[in-house]
Amino acid sequence: MNNNKSIEAVPIWIYYTDIDTGKSLASPTILRGIIGDKYDIEVPRFDRYRLLKHTGEMNGIFSDKQQETHLYFRIHNWTEVDEVQLYATICEDLPTYDSPNGNKLKLELPTGTVWRTFLRVSTSDGQFWYKIGINQWILYKPHAFNLNDSSKHLNNSLVNNNDMNSRSIDAHGVIDFANDKSLTYYARPYGKAIGKVKNNTSVTIDGQITDQAGIVWFHIKDLGFINAMYVSLTSPINVNNIKGK
């Protein structure tokens, strides 16, 4: 009987993650080997990403113990990423983008509106980007918007639904945002982002709010509020009763 028979080691799991979104960049890799053999982990290339850090060993010895390594990546031209709790008061009509240096979206933020931002990214070309929704970003430019760190600076007419024109309606539509993207929906207009809905999703609309800047928001049944410009109606709007001014 051969007592020196090779014994298979416990597999090593390797994970690849976008550190800022938590998104997996690829399926985990499994390394297999014989107890006592050496291993080395190669860093894969992901388009537009660079390796930021890792946890676990990048090389070592296969063993009978559980081992795993997590590789964390960041978009290559993002130099700093900071979580913030700020409010942006728009000073001039402002375009929005699906990502820093990304594609321009349909939504243009009107002068005088106020938006909560919760993430700031600085890029290698010296720009600062603020995230206002799951797929919505604005670029900082002098005089484009002012930032405050407390909601007490907000114009109450933009954050209090009681000061907006609202009505109960019945209508149906389809989310019309961007291909392969999801749209953020909110607990109330200009409020907290509470989820996202995929493009081309059929929705039922049971409420409408128009703020003092003239921006129309639809309340999507069982979800929340979204900007009306991102809904293509598939039925007429039937008004139930007026609840606002």
Protein backbone atom coordinates (compact mmCIF):
# COMPACT_ATOMS: atom_id res chain seq x y z
CA MET A 1 0.00 0.00 0.00
CA ASN A 2 1.39 3.38 -1.02
CA ASN A 3 1.21 5.80 1.95
CA ASN A 4 2.57 8.66 -0.20
CA LYS A 5 -0.51 8.81 -2.40
CA SER A 6 -1.33 12.37 -3.54
CA ILE A 7 -4.31 13.92 -1.77
CA GLU A 8 -6.51 16.49 -3.49
CA ALA A 9 -6.60 19.83 -1.66
CA VAL A 10 -9.67 21.84 -0.73
CA PRO A 11 -10.41 24.10 -3.75
CA ILE A 12 -9.52 27.80 -3.56
CA TRP A 13 -12.27 30.24 -4.56
CA ILE A 14 -11.43 33.56 -6.22
CA TYR A 15 -13.98 36.40 -6.49
CA TYR A 16 -13.91 39.53 -8.69
CA THR A 17 -15.90 42.54 -7.47
CA ASP A 18 -16.47 46.20 -8.35
CA ILE A 19 -15.61 47.77 -4.98
CA ASP A 20 -17.92 50.74 -5.47
CA THR A 21 -21.08 48.96 -6.59
CA GLY A 22 -20.61 45.47 -5.19
CA LYS A 23 -21.24 44.09 -8.68
CA SER A 24 -19.54 40.83 -9.59
CA LEU A 25 -17.34 41.34 -12.66
CA ALA A 26 -17.08 37.63 -13.48
CA SER A 27 -18.05 34.24 -12.15
CA PRO A 28 -15.79 32.99 -9.34
CA THR A 29 -12.74 30.99 -10.34
CA ILE A 30 -11.97 27.69 -8.61
CA LEU A 31 -8.33 26.58 -8.27
CA ARG A 32 -7.76 22.86 -7.71
CA GLY A 33 -4.55 21.11 -6.79
CA ILE A 34 -2.74 18.63 -4.61
CA ILE A 35 -1.98 19.28 -0.96
CA GLY A 36 1.54 20.71 -0.74
CA ASP A 37 1.66 22.07 -4.29
CA LYS A 38 2.16 25.79 -4.89
CA TYR A 39 -0.39 28.08 -6.49
CA ASP A 40 -0.31 31.60 -7.96
CA ILE A 41 -3.39 33.70 -8.72
CA GLU A 42 -3.31 35.71 -11.93
CA VAL A 43 -5.13 39.05 -12.08
CA PRO A 44 -7.54 39.08 -15.04
CA ARG A 45 -8.12 42.12 -17.22
CA PHE A 46 -11.54 43.75 -17.16
CA ASP A 47 -12.32 46.50 -19.64
CA ARG A 48 -12.15 49.96 -17.96
CA TYR A 49 -11.15 48.51 -14.57
CA ARG A 50 -7.97 48.37 -12.50
CA LEU A 51 -7.18 46.24 -9.46
CA LEU A 52 -7.50 48.29 -6.28
CA LYS A 53 -6.86 45.78 -3.50
CA HIS A 54 -7.35 42.19 -2.47
CA THR A 55 -8.07 40.10 0.59
CA GLY A 56 -6.67 36.61 0.98
CA GLU A 57 -3.44 35.26 -0.46
CA MET A 58 -2.36 35.74 -4.08
CA ASN A 59 0.03 32.79 -3.84
CA GLY A 60 0.62 29.98 -1.38
CA ILE A 61 0.29 26.27 -0.81
CA PHE A 62 -2.72 24.06 -1.44
CA SER A 63 -3.98 22.55 1.81
CA ASP A 64 -6.90 20.79 3.47
CA LYS A 65 -8.20 24.16 4.76
CA GLN A 66 -10.80 26.40 3.12
CA GLN A 67 -9.13 29.32 1.30
CA GLU A 68 -10.60 32.19 -0.71
CA THR A 69 -9.31 35.39 -2.25
CA HIS A 70 -11.34 38.50 -3.13
CA LEU A 71 -10.03 40.86 -5.81
CA TYR A 72 -11.56 44.35 -5.72
CA PHE A 73 -11.51 46.52 -8.84
CA ARG A 74 -12.35 50.16 -9.55
CA ILE A 75 -13.10 51.93 -12.84
CA HIS A 76 -9.70 52.91 -14.16
CA ASN A 77 -10.12 56.71 -14.24
CA TRP A 78 -11.89 57.03 -10.86
CA THR A 79 -9.29 58.41 -8.46
CA GLU A 80 -11.44 58.95 -5.35
CA VAL A 81 -14.91 57.80 -4.32
CA ASP A 82 -16.67 59.34 -1.31
CA GLU A 83 -20.06 58.65 0.22
CA VAL A 84 -21.82 61.97 0.85
CA GLN A 85 -25.18 63.22 2.07
CA LEU A 86 -25.66 66.47 0.16
CA TYR A 87 -28.41 68.39 -1.59
CA ALA A 88 -27.80 69.97 -4.99
CA THR A 89 -29.80 73.10 -5.85
CA ILE A 90 -29.75 73.44 -9.64
CA CYS A 91 -28.75 76.94 -10.82
CA GLU A 92 -29.03 76.32 -14.58
CA ASP A 93 -30.68 73.59 -16.63
CA LEU A 94 -28.35 70.64 -16.20
CA PRO A 95 -27.92 67.43 -18.23
CA THR A 96 -27.68 64.03 -16.55
CA TYR A 97 -25.57 61.01 -17.51
CA ASP A 98 -25.76 57.27 -16.94
CA SER A 99 -22.23 57.25 -15.45
CA PRO A 100 -19.27 59.61 -15.06
CA ASN A 101 -18.14 60.50 -18.60
CA GLY A 102 -20.99 58.30 -19.80
CA ASN A 103 -23.98 58.70 -22.08
CA LYS A 104 -26.32 61.68 -21.77
CA LEU A 105 -29.81 60.79 -20.54
CA LYS A 106 -33.18 62.25 -21.50
CA LEU A 107 -33.61 63.88 -18.10
CA GLU A 108 -32.46 67.50 -17.80
CA LEU A 109 -32.62 68.96 -14.29
CA PRO A 110 -34.54 72.27 -14.36
CA THR A 111 -33.26 75.42 -12.70
CA GLY A 112 -34.50 75.71 -9.13
CA THR A 113 -35.02 72.02 -8.45
CA VAL A 114 -33.23 70.25 -5.60
CA TRP A 115 -31.77 66.74 -5.71
CA ARG A 116 -30.25 64.52 -3.05
CA THR A 117 -26.78 63.19 -3.88
CA PHE A 118 -25.11 60.34 -2.03
CA LEU A 119 -21.89 59.59 -3.91
CA ARG A 120 -19.08 61.77 -5.26
CA VAL A 121 -16.46 60.56 -7.74
CA SER A 122 -13.34 62.42 -8.78
CA THR A 123 -11.75 61.35 -12.04
CA SER A 124 -8.21 61.44 -13.35
CA ASP A 125 -9.02 64.41 -15.62
CA GLY A 126 -9.91 66.56 -12.58
CA GLN A 127 -13.71 66.33 -12.84
CA PHE A 128 -16.15 65.79 -9.97
CA TRP A 129 -19.32 63.77 -10.53
CA TYR A 130 -22.30 63.46 -8.17
CA LYS A 131 -24.71 60.55 -8.18
CA ILE A 132 -28.40 61.44 -7.80
CA GLY A 133 -29.93 58.08 -8.74
CA ILE A 134 -29.01 54.50 -9.47
CA ASN A 135 -28.07 55.37 -13.07
CA GLN A 136 -28.08 59.17 -12.89
CA TRP A 137 -25.03 61.43 -12.52
CA ILE A 138 -24.37 65.17 -12.80
CA LEU A 139 -21.06 66.85 -13.55
CA TYR A 140 -19.94 69.66 -11.25
CA LYS A 141 -19.32 72.97 -13.00
CA PRO A 142 -18.95 76.42 -11.41
CA HIS A 143 -22.36 78.08 -11.07
CA ALA A 144 -24.19 74.93 -12.29
CA PHE A 145 -25.48 73.93 -8.85
CA ASN A 146 -24.97 74.68 -5.18
CA LEU A 147 -24.35 71.99 -2.57
CA ASN A 148 -25.69 71.99 0.98
CA ASP A 149 -25.27 69.37 3.67
CA SER A 150 -28.72 69.66 5.23
CA SER A 151 -32.26 69.45 3.96
CA LYS A 152 -33.06 72.61 5.93
CA HIS A 153 -31.59 74.53 2.98
CA LEU A 154 -34.19 73.12 0.61
CA ASN A 155 -37.15 75.06 -0.70
CA ASN A 156 -40.03 73.39 1.11
CA SER A 157 -42.19 73.56 -2.00
CA LEU A 158 -39.85 71.04 -3.61
CA VAL A 159 -39.76 68.49 -0.81
CA ASN A 160 -43.20 68.65 0.76
CA ASN A 161 -45.78 66.77 -1.28
CA ASN A 162 -48.56 68.79 0.36
CA ASP A 163 -47.27 71.89 -1.46
CA MET A 164 -47.44 70.20 -4.87
CA ASN A 165 -50.39 69.78 -7.21
CA SER A 166 -51.38 66.13 -6.91
CA ARG A 167 -54.16 63.98 -8.25
CA SER A 168 -55.27 60.38 -8.27
CA ILE A 169 -55.25 58.86 -11.75
CA ASP A 170 -55.54 55.56 -13.56
CA ALA A 171 -53.19 54.95 -16.47
CA HIS A 172 -50.83 52.39 -17.93
CA GLY A 173 -47.44 52.77 -19.54
CA VAL A 174 -44.01 51.33 -20.27
CA ILE A 175 -40.70 52.47 -18.77
CA ASP A 176 -38.81 54.31 -21.52
CA PHE A 177 -35.33 54.96 -20.16
CA ALA A 178 -32.28 53.44 -21.84
CA ASN A 179 -31.54 50.02 -23.27
CA ASP A 180 -30.23 47.50 -20.73
CA LYS A 181 -30.58 50.07 -17.92
CA SER A 182 -32.81 50.34 -14.88
CA LEU A 183 -34.57 53.48 -13.66
CA THR A 184 -34.52 54.71 -10.07
CA TYR A 185 -37.80 55.23 -8.25
CA TYR A 186 -38.25 57.31 -5.09
CA ALA A 187 -40.29 57.33 -1.88
CA ARG A 188 -41.46 60.82 -2.91
CA PRO A 189 -40.37 63.43 -5.47
CA TYR A 190 -36.78 64.53 -4.71
CA GLY A 191 -36.77 62.05 -1.83
CA LYS A 192 -34.98 58.84 -0.98
CA ALA A 193 -34.20 56.37 -3.77
CA ILE A 194 -35.86 53.10 -2.78
CA GLY A 195 -35.38 50.83 -5.78
CA LYS A 196 -35.09 50.45 -9.52
CA VAL A 197 -37.23 49.14 -12.36
CA LYS A 198 -35.98 47.71 -15.64
CA ASN A 199 -36.40 49.50 -18.94
CA ASN A 200 -39.44 48.37 -20.99
CA THR A 201 -41.31 47.22 -17.86
CA SER A 202 -45.09 47.64 -18.07
CA VAL A 203 -46.41 49.71 -15.16
CA THR A 204 -49.66 50.93 -13.66
CA ILE A 205 -49.82 54.61 -12.70
CA ASP A 206 -52.11 55.55 -9.82
CA GLY A 207 -51.00 59.10 -9.01
CA GLN A 208 -49.51 62.26 -10.49
CA ILE A 209 -47.71 65.17 -8.83
CA THR A 210 -46.61 68.43 -10.45
CA ASP A 211 -44.12 70.50 -8.45
CA GLN A 212 -43.81 74.27 -8.55
CA ALA A 213 -41.06 74.02 -11.16
CA GLY A 214 -43.55 72.29 -13.48
CA ILE A 215 -41.90 68.85 -13.21
CA VAL A 216 -44.41 66.00 -13.44
CA TRP A 217 -43.93 62.85 -11.37
CA PHE A 218 -45.92 59.64 -11.74
CA HIS A 219 -46.56 57.33 -8.82
CA ILE A 220 -46.07 53.76 -10.01
CA LYS A 221 -48.33 51.31 -8.23
CA ASP A 222 -46.47 49.09 -5.73
CA LEU A 223 -43.18 50.92 -6.43
CA GLY A 224 -42.80 54.68 -5.96
CA PHE A 225 -42.35 57.97 -7.82
CA ILE A 226 -40.52 58.42 -11.11
CA ASN A 227 -40.12 61.37 -13.46
CA ALA A 228 -43.01 61.24 -15.95
CA MET A 229 -40.69 61.80 -18.91
CA TYR A 230 -39.48 58.21 -18.51
CA VAL A 231 -42.91 56.66 -19.06
CA SER A 232 -44.48 56.08 -22.46
CA LEU A 233 -48.24 55.96 -21.89
CA THR A 234 -50.12 53.03 -23.41
CA SER A 235 -53.55 54.20 -22.27
CA PRO A 236 -55.32 57.53 -21.67
CA ILE A 237 -55.01 59.14 -18.23
CA ASN A 238 -58.26 58.87 -16.29
CA VAL A 239 -58.50 61.36 -13.43
CA ASN A 240 -60.19 60.08 -10.27
CA ASN A 241 -60.32 63.10 -7.97
CA ILE A 242 -58.23 66.20 -7.34
CA LYS A 243 -56.32 66.19 -4.07
CA GLY A 244 -54.02 69.15 -4.56
CA LYS A 245 -54.59 72.88 -5.14
